[in-house]
Amino acid sequence: MSDYSAKVHMEVGGDRQTLDPGGSVKFGNVTFTVNAAGQLVLSGLPTVNPAVAGALYSNAGVLTLGS
């Protein structure tokens, strides 16, 4: 079973994925979604510092990098 919607595709001849509005990609527990306004929305981020340098987490709603 795939973890992406039909609004996600590989660019022709490229090596990156494109998310169209309404599309989403899930990595582990984190889902990256592009809403109808074209804004990137992350859900499922941990809410405590994962103690891994460069890892993302939500610190009271503020996107933060772990140290």
PDB file of N, CA and C in Angstrom:
ATOM      1  N   MET A   1       0.843  -1.183   0.000  1.00  0.00           N
ATOM      2  CA  MET A   1       0.000   0.000   0.000  1.00  0.00           C
ATOM      3  C   MET A   1       0.883   1.239   0.000  1.00  0.00           C
ATOM      4  N   SER A   2       0.579   2.188  -0.848  1.00  0.00           N
ATOM      5  CA  SER A   2       1.409   3.385  -0.956  1.00  0.00           C
ATOM      6  C   SER A   2       1.013   4.431   0.071  1.00  0.00           C
ATOM      7  N   ASP A   3       1.962   5.331   0.369  1.00  0.00           N
ATOM      8  CA  ASP A   3       1.734   6.410   1.330  1.00  0.00           C
ATOM      9  C   ASP A   3       1.671   7.763   0.646  1.00  0.00           C
ATOM     10  N   TYR A   4       1.228   7.813  -0.596  1.00  0.00           N
ATOM     11  CA  TYR A   4       1.123   9.087  -1.284  1.00  0.00           C
ATOM     12  C   TYR A   4      -0.141   9.119  -2.122  1.00  0.00           C
ATOM     13  N   SER A   5      -0.628  10.309  -2.408  1.00  0.00           N
ATOM     14  CA  SER A   5      -1.847  10.461  -3.195  1.00  0.00           C
ATOM     15  C   SER A   5      -1.505  10.560  -4.673  1.00  0.00           C
ATOM     16  N   ALA A   6      -2.508  10.568  -5.499  1.00  0.00           N
ATOM     17  CA  ALA A   6      -2.312  10.664  -6.942  1.00  0.00           C
ATOM     18  C   ALA A   6      -1.781  12.035  -7.366  1.00  0.00           C
ATOM     19  N   LYS A   7      -1.743  12.987  -6.466  1.00  0.00           N
ATOM     20  CA  LYS A   7      -1.256  14.324  -6.782  1.00  0.00           C
ATOM     21  C   LYS A   7       0.237  14.471  -6.518  1.00  0.00           C
ATOM     22  N   VAL A   8       0.917  13.355  -6.420  1.00  0.00           N
ATOM     23  CA  VAL A   8       2.367  13.319  -6.232  1.00  0.00           C
ATOM     24  C   VAL A   8       2.951  12.604  -7.436  1.00  0.00           C
ATOM     25  N   HIS A   9       3.963  13.198  -8.060  1.00  0.00           N
ATOM     26  CA  HIS A   9       4.546  12.547  -9.225  1.00  0.00           C
ATOM     27  C   HIS A   9       6.032  12.887  -9.358  1.00  0.00           C
ATOM     28  N   MET A  10       6.720  12.046 -10.074  1.00  0.00           N
ATOM     29  CA  MET A  10       8.123  12.297 -10.403  1.00  0.00           C
ATOM     30  C   MET A  10       8.151  13.169 -11.652  1.00  0.00           C
ATOM     31  N   GLU A  11       9.005  14.161 -11.647  1.00  0.00           N
ATOM     32  CA  GLU A  11       9.146  15.009 -12.823  1.00  0.00           C
ATOM     33  C   GLU A  11       9.778  14.195 -13.945  1.00  0.00           C
ATOM     34  N   VAL A  12       9.333  14.413 -15.168  1.00  0.00           N
ATOM     35  CA  VAL A  12       9.858  13.679 -16.313  1.00  0.00           C
ATOM     36  C   VAL A  12      11.349  13.951 -16.448  1.00  0.00           C
ATOM     37  N   GLY A  13      12.130  12.881 -16.466  1.00  0.00           N
ATOM     38  CA  GLY A  13      13.570  13.016 -16.611  1.00  0.00           C
ATOM     39  C   GLY A  13      14.267  13.565 -15.382  1.00  0.00           C
ATOM     40  N   GLY A  14      13.545  13.726 -14.300  1.00  0.00           N
ATOM     41  CA  GLY A  14      14.127  14.311 -13.103  1.00  0.00           C
ATOM     42  C   GLY A  14      14.286  13.306 -11.990  1.00  0.00           C
ATOM     43  N   ASP A  15      14.811  13.786 -10.886  1.00  0.00           N
ATOM     44  CA  ASP A  15      15.015  12.916  -9.729  1.00  0.00           C
ATOM     45  C   ASP A  15      14.372  13.499  -8.476  1.00  0.00           C
ATOM     46  N   ARG A  16      13.299  14.258  -8.658  1.00  0.00           N
ATOM     47  CA  ARG A  16      12.588  14.805  -7.510  1.00  0.00           C
ATOM     48  C   ARG A  16      11.089  14.595  -7.692  1.00  0.00           C
ATOM     49  N   GLN A  17      10.390  14.560  -6.564  1.00  0.00           N
ATOM     50  CA  GLN A  17       8.946  14.438  -6.592  1.00  0.00           C
ATOM     51  C   GLN A  17       8.305  15.813  -6.539  1.00  0.00           C
ATOM     52  N   THR A  18       7.151  15.927  -7.149  1.00  0.00           N
ATOM     53  CA  THR A  18       6.384  17.159  -7.118  1.00  0.00           C
ATOM     54  C   THR A  18       5.048  16.875  -6.445  1.00  0.00           C
ATOM     55  N   LEU A  19       4.649  17.762  -5.517  1.00  0.00           N
ATOM     56  CA  LEU A  19       3.351  17.665  -4.863  1.00  0.00           C
ATOM     57  C   LEU A  19       2.443  18.742  -5.428  1.00  0.00           C
ATOM     58  N   ASP A  20       1.359  18.333  -6.053  1.00  0.00           N
ATOM     59  CA  ASP A  20       0.359  19.284  -6.511  1.00  0.00           C
ATOM     60  C   ASP A  20      -0.550  19.626  -5.335  1.00  0.00           C
ATOM     61  N   PRO A  21      -1.266  20.778  -5.384  1.00  0.00           N
ATOM     62  CA  PRO A  21      -2.193  21.099  -4.298  1.00  0.00           C
ATOM     63  C   PRO A  21      -3.116  19.919  -4.008  1.00  0.00           C
ATOM     64  N   GLY A  22      -3.214  19.585  -2.738  1.00  0.00           N
ATOM     65  CA  GLY A  22      -4.017  18.443  -2.313  1.00  0.00           C
ATOM     66  C   GLY A  22      -3.218  17.162  -2.185  1.00  0.00           C
ATOM     67  N   GLY A  23      -1.970  17.186  -2.647  1.00  0.00           N
ATOM     68  CA  GLY A  23      -1.122  16.007  -2.572  1.00  0.00           C
ATOM     69  C   GLY A  23      -0.393  15.926  -1.248  1.00  0.00           C
ATOM     70  N   SER A  24       0.000  14.708  -0.869  1.00  0.00           N
ATOM     71  CA  SER A  24       0.745  14.541   0.371  1.00  0.00           C
ATOM     72  C   SER A  24       1.687  13.354   0.259  1.00  0.00           C
ATOM     73  N   VAL A  25       2.746  13.417   1.066  1.00  0.00           N
ATOM     74  CA  VAL A  25       3.727  12.341   1.161  1.00  0.00           C
ATOM     75  C   VAL A  25       3.950  12.075   2.634  1.00  0.00           C
ATOM     76  N   LYS A  26       4.018  10.789   2.988  1.00  0.00           N
ATOM     77  CA  LYS A  26       4.211  10.424   4.388  1.00  0.00           C
ATOM     78  C   LYS A  26       5.566   9.749   4.547  1.00  0.00           C
ATOM     79  N   PHE A  27       6.348  10.233   5.531  1.00  0.00           N
ATOM     80  CA  PHE A  27       7.625   9.646   5.909  1.00  0.00           C
ATOM     81  C   PHE A  27       7.506   9.258   7.372  1.00  0.00           C
ATOM     82  N   GLY A  28       7.439   7.980   7.667  1.00  0.00           N
ATOM     83  CA  GLY A  28       7.236   7.546   9.049  1.00  0.00           C
ATOM     84  C   GLY A  28       5.910   8.073   9.546  1.00  0.00           C
ATOM     85  N   ASN A  29       5.927   8.833  10.646  1.00  0.00           N
ATOM     86  CA  ASN A  29       4.698   9.408  11.206  1.00  0.00           C
ATOM     87  C   ASN A  29       4.409  10.814  10.714  1.00  0.00           C
ATOM     88  N   VAL A  30       5.307  11.385   9.912  1.00  0.00           N
ATOM     89  CA  VAL A  30       5.162  12.781   9.474  1.00  0.00           C
ATOM     90  C   VAL A  30       4.584  12.830   8.062  1.00  0.00           C
ATOM     91  N   THR A  31       3.547  13.646   7.883  1.00  0.00           N
ATOM     92  CA  THR A  31       2.925  13.817   6.571  1.00  0.00           C
ATOM     93  C   THR A  31       3.161  15.241   6.088  1.00  0.00           C
ATOM     94  N   PHE A  32       3.666  15.361   4.869  1.00  0.00           N
ATOM     95  CA  PHE A  32       3.871  16.644   4.200  1.00  0.00           C
ATOM     96  C   PHE A  32       2.732  16.788   3.197  1.00  0.00           C
ATOM     97  N   THR A  33       1.932  17.855   3.328  1.00  0.00           N
ATOM     98  CA  THR A  33       0.784  18.077   2.457  1.00  0.00           C
ATOM     99  C   THR A  33       0.871  19.466   1.853  1.00  0.00           C
ATOM    100  N   VAL A  34       0.483  19.597   0.590  1.00  0.00           N
ATOM    101  CA  VAL A  34       0.357  20.913  -0.038  1.00  0.00           C
ATOM    102  C   VAL A  34      -1.133  21.209  -0.096  1.00  0.00           C
ATOM    103  N   ASN A  35      -1.558  22.281   0.609  1.00  0.00           N
ATOM    104  CA  ASN A  35      -2.991  22.604   0.632  1.00  0.00           C
ATOM    105  C   ASN A  35      -3.405  23.328  -0.642  1.00  0.00           C
ATOM    106  N   ALA A  36      -4.693  23.646  -0.760  1.00  0.00           N
ATOM    107  CA  ALA A  36      -5.227  24.276  -1.970  1.00  0.00           C
ATOM    108  C   ALA A  36      -4.577  25.616  -2.269  1.00  0.00           C
ATOM    109  N   ALA A  37      -4.057  26.306  -1.235  1.00  0.00           N
ATOM    110  CA  ALA A  37      -3.399  27.604  -1.425  1.00  0.00           C
ATOM    111  C   ALA A  37      -1.923  27.442  -1.787  1.00  0.00           C
ATOM    112  N   GLY A  38      -1.445  26.195  -1.898  1.00  0.00           N
ATOM    113  CA  GLY A  38      -0.052  25.956  -2.252  1.00  0.00           C
ATOM    114  C   GLY A  38       0.905  26.016  -1.072  1.00  0.00           C
ATOM    115  N   GLN A  39       0.372  26.005   0.144  1.00  0.00           N
ATOM    116  CA  GLN A  39       1.209  26.076   1.350  1.00  0.00           C
ATOM    117  C   GLN A  39       1.572  24.669   1.817  1.00  0.00           C
ATOM    118  N   LEU A  40       2.803  24.498   2.279  1.00  0.00           N
ATOM    119  CA  LEU A  40       3.256  23.223   2.808  1.00  0.00           C
ATOM    120  C   LEU A  40       2.817  23.098   4.263  1.00  0.00           C
ATOM    121  N   VAL A  41       2.154  21.993   4.593  1.00  0.00           N
ATOM    122  CA  VAL A  41       1.659  21.734   5.942  1.00  0.00           C
ATOM    123  C   VAL A  41       2.275  20.422   6.421  1.00  0.00           C
ATOM    124  N   LEU A  42       2.890  20.444   7.607  1.00  0.00           N
ATOM    125  CA  LEU A  42       3.466  19.244   8.202  1.00  0.00           C
ATOM    126  C   LEU A  42       2.586  18.803   9.355  1.00  0.00           C
ATOM    127  N   SER A  43       2.306  17.526   9.425  1.00  0.00           N
ATOM    128  CA  SER A  43       1.557  16.991  10.553  1.00  0.00           C
ATOM    129  C   SER A  43       2.258  15.729  11.050  1.00  0.00           C
ATOM    130  N   GLY A  44       2.089  15.452  12.315  1.00  0.00           N
ATOM    131  CA  GLY A  44       2.697  14.267  12.897  1.00  0.00           C
ATOM    132  C   GLY A  44       4.113  14.459  13.401  1.00  0.00           C
ATOM    133  N   LEU A  45       4.579  15.715  13.450  1.00  0.00           N
ATOM    134  CA  LEU A  45       5.922  15.964  13.974  1.00  0.00           C
ATOM    135  C   LEU A  45       5.972  15.656  15.466  1.00  0.00           C
ATOM    136  N   PRO A  46       7.122  15.165  15.961  1.00  0.00           N
ATOM    137  CA  PRO A  46       7.245  14.981  17.406  1.00  0.00           C
ATOM    138  C   PRO A  46       7.108  16.332  18.115  1.00  0.00           C
ATOM    139  N   THR A  47       6.684  16.299  19.362  1.00  0.00           N
ATOM    140  CA  THR A  47       6.489  17.543  20.113  1.00  0.00           C
ATOM    141  C   THR A  47       7.560  17.745  21.184  1.00  0.00           C
ATOM    142  N   VAL A  48       8.535  16.864  21.224  1.00  0.00           N
ATOM    143  CA  VAL A  48       9.679  17.033  22.136  1.00  0.00           C
ATOM    144  C   VAL A  48      10.951  16.911  21.311  1.00  0.00           C
ATOM    145  N   ASN A  49      12.009  17.541  21.780  1.00  0.00           N
ATOM    146  CA  ASN A  49      13.285  17.496  21.085  1.00  0.00           C
ATOM    147  C   ASN A  49      13.739  16.037  20.957  1.00  0.00           C
ATOM    148  N   PRO A  50      13.930  15.565  19.714  1.00  0.00           N
ATOM    149  CA  PRO A  50      14.328  14.177  19.521  1.00  0.00           C
ATOM    150  C   PRO A  50      15.798  13.923  19.854  1.00  0.00           C
ATOM    151  N   ALA A  51      16.533  14.956  20.227  1.00  0.00           N
ATOM    152  CA  ALA A  51      17.957  14.860  20.570  1.00  0.00           C
ATOM    153  C   ALA A  51      18.779  14.309  19.411  1.00  0.00           C
ATOM    154  N   VAL A  52      18.357  14.660  18.197  1.00  0.00           N
ATOM    155  CA  VAL A  52      19.095  14.294  16.985  1.00  0.00           C
ATOM    156  C   VAL A  52      19.363  15.597  16.239  1.00  0.00           C
ATOM    157  N   ALA A  53      20.627  15.907  16.014  1.00  0.00           N
ATOM    158  CA  ALA A  53      20.989  17.154  15.339  1.00  0.00           C
ATOM    159  C   ALA A  53      20.302  17.243  13.976  1.00  0.00           C
ATOM    160  N   GLY A  54      19.580  18.339  13.754  1.00  0.00           N
ATOM    161  CA  GLY A  54      18.930  18.587  12.475  1.00  0.00           C
ATOM    162  C   GLY A  54      17.549  17.987  12.318  1.00  0.00           C
ATOM    163  N   ALA A  55      17.073  17.206  13.294  1.00  0.00           N
ATOM    164  CA  ALA A  55      15.741  16.613  13.220  1.00  0.00           C
ATOM    165  C   ALA A  55      14.684  17.667  13.538  1.00  0.00           C
ATOM    166  N   LEU A  56      13.593  17.664  12.778  1.00  0.00           N
ATOM    167  CA  LEU A  56      12.513  18.618  13.001  1.00  0.00           C
ATOM    168  C   LEU A  56      11.594  18.157  14.118  1.00  0.00           C
ATOM    169  N   TYR A  57      11.089  19.132  14.897  1.00  0.00           N
ATOM    170  CA  TYR A  57      10.031  18.846  15.862  1.00  0.00           C
ATOM    171  C   TYR A  57       9.237  20.115  16.103  1.00  0.00           C
ATOM    172  N   SER A  58       8.049  19.962  16.674  1.00  0.00           N
ATOM    173  CA  SER A  58       7.184  21.094  16.972  1.00  0.00           C
ATOM    174  C   SER A  58       7.364  21.484  18.432  1.00  0.00           C
ATOM    175  N   ASN A  59       7.886  22.679  18.664  1.00  0.00           N
ATOM    176  CA  ASN A  59       8.113  23.194  20.011  1.00  0.00           C
ATOM    177  C   ASN A  59       7.005  24.197  20.307  1.00  0.00           C
ATOM    178  N   ALA A  60       5.900  23.726  20.874  1.00  0.00           N
ATOM    179  CA  ALA A  60       4.729  24.567  21.135  1.00  0.00           C
ATOM    180  C   ALA A  60       4.253  25.265  19.873  1.00  0.00           C
ATOM    181  N   GLY A  61       4.236  24.524  18.747  1.00  0.00           N
ATOM    182  CA  GLY A  61       3.762  25.063  17.483  1.00  0.00           C
ATOM    183  C   GLY A  61       4.811  25.779  16.655  1.00  0.00           C
ATOM    184  N   VAL A  62       6.039  25.845  17.149  1.00  0.00           N
ATOM    185  CA  VAL A  62       7.137  26.479  16.422  1.00  0.00           C
ATOM    186  C   VAL A  62       8.021  25.393  15.826  1.00  0.00           C
ATOM    187  N   LEU A  63       8.187  25.395  14.510  1.00  0.00           N
ATOM    188  CA  LEU A  63       9.038  24.422  13.844  1.00  0.00           C
ATOM    189  C   LEU A  63      10.478  24.634  14.315  1.00  0.00           C
ATOM    190  N   THR A  64      11.085  23.568  14.863  1.00  0.00           N
ATOM    191  CA  THR A  64      12.394  23.685  15.504  1.00  0.00           C
ATOM    192  C   THR A  64      13.292  22.555  15.033  1.00  0.00           C
ATOM    193  N   LEU A  65      14.594  22.840  14.929  1.00  0.00           N
ATOM    194  CA  LEU A  65      15.578  21.808  14.590  1.00  0.00           C
ATOM    195  C   LEU A  65      16.189  21.279  15.879  1.00  0.00           C
ATOM    196  N   GLY A  66      16.296  19.938  15.951  1.00  0.00           N
ATOM    197  CA  GLY A  66      16.931  19.320  17.105  1.00  0.00           C
ATOM    198  C   GLY A  66      18.414  19.658  17.159  1.00  0.00           C
ATOM    199  N   SER A  67      18.953  19.613  18.367  1.00  0.00           N
ATOM    200  CA  SER A  67      20.375  19.940  18.533  1.00  0.00           C
ATOM    201  C   SER A  67      21.143  18.778  19.088  1.00  0.00           C
TER     202      SER A  67
END
